Amino acid sequence: MEKYVNIKEEPIEVNLTAIMDFLAEFKNNKNGKIFSKYETINSLDIEFCNTEKGLEYKTSSLKKIDQKIEYIGFGMLDAFEILIGDTRFQLPKGAKSARFKLSEFKMSGKIKEIESNLSDSKGYYRALLSIDGFTKIPSNYFWTKSFKIKQNIRAAGYLEISVGNYSLGFFDYRIDNENFLILECHNEVSRYEFEKLLESTLYSFALISGCLVKDAQYILKFQNPDFGKVEGFSFKKNNESVITNKELYNYREFKAYCGTDRLFFFPKKIFSNLVQLCRNDDILLRAVRIICQSRNLSVEIEAASIFVALETVKGIVIKENSEKIAPFKDSKFADQILSEFKLKIDSLEDSNFNSKKSIINKLDSLNQVGNNESFKLAFELVGFKLSKNDLKCISMRNRFLHGNMPYDDKNEEIRMKELTKISLSAHFLTCCLILKYAGFDGVVKNFLKYLDLTNCIDEVNEELFRYI
């Protein structure tokens, strides 16, 4: 963990003027003309506006109706463009919804995604993500730096992240009565690369904080590193945030619970490592995504999803260390010996076997670690010591993965209590395996003990913060 040290630093200068101007202008009503491959809506006038409910639109009266394409809103639910003066707005997936008012022959609805002048060419990018008051922010977990916007100085809140050759800034700020998380890249980068960095950062932060931010998202492109002028943008309204209390660490809780006189923050180096691992490995990112998105699901589905993520991360650790743990020390020697075995068996009469092919196929797994043993090895390889309760939790995975739910013979209260315990234990173990894989050495909140304390019971004989 990182200790807090009171060091006076010059605040980081952050220029948000162009963003403030953009957001103010984006809220204004806009009137333009539709360009579409469908004659039903091509050349129609359209008005749209960004409201609290989202991006809403309405059109002028349709000049013709084609029942064959009514299922796509007469063309509104497929890709089209809007021209306003010299500016083109692209809707690559069309509108989100389309309502047809028969009395007026007009269309109305909501737009989920819109962009303008945002090619994949390199530039300097920022992402803004709308958050509410329940969403955790970087300064809740990391030792962040002070930053200055115009004459306003924030004492803390700016997190510097290094991901490969990229330097990122991650912070929160309130603009025109709306709270945002902001990620900026200080290097020239393509849109594709920035979106990968954004996804990896958001899911890594969600893993630690329990808060996945995926509601309203702006991506803004700038020509210069001073972020002085917006060149292009994209806007998405997803309403897919998952805000929970399943944070892996809380430095204020740790200070109060352990009675320390210092604050211990989550190491930003480990966070940078985690972001980079997710950026470079889609399989790991998928596992983190499963964890973050399953936290608001029913306990049965959440537990099964977490076990899928655990299986995935275990596979990554085992694969990277296959040379160390395989029964044969030398993989080339193993391939040679097993090939000889296959040739020997293949030369025998088929009458000696019920299934010669099955035996030959099984030879391929002789130099692999068994599935049950591989879980113990994965945790051992990253330096995590499993307790008896941990092993018991891992042993339950097959029942969830195969749809054989435990405790179905118990009453609902007992069943839900036991399933919650398994889900929280599996969640803790999977997150710990990921953190240890990223190089973490510190304490993680014990979800079972946290539940124990919040319900004022004393059934879990463990510490609230477990050292891993």
Foldseek 3Di string as FASTA:
>chain_A
DAWDDDDDDDAAEAECPQVLVVVVVQQDKAKWAKPFPQLQRHRWIKIWGQDPVGIKMKTAAGPDDDPVCVVCVSGQQAWIWTDGPPWIKTQHRGAPDWDADVVGNMIMDHRFKIKTQADQAWFKKKKKFWDDPLADAPVQFAFACWHDYPHDIDRGFWDWADAPPWIKIWGWDAHPNTIIIMITILDTGTPVLVVLLVLLLQLLVCLAQVKRTDAKMKMFGDHHSSPPHTRMMMIGGDPQIGRDRQHFDGQVVVCVQVVDPITDHFDSLLSNLSSNVVSVDVLLSVLSVLQSNLPPPQLLSLLLSLLVSLLSLLVVLCVVCLCVPWPDNDVVVLVVVLVVVLVVLVPDDPVVDPDSPVVNVVSVCNRPDDPLVSSCVLCVSLPHDDDPVLSVLNVCNVCSNVVNQPPPVPDPVVSSVVSNVSSQSSSNVSSVSSSSVSPDWFWTARVVVVVCVVVVHDDDPDDRIDTD
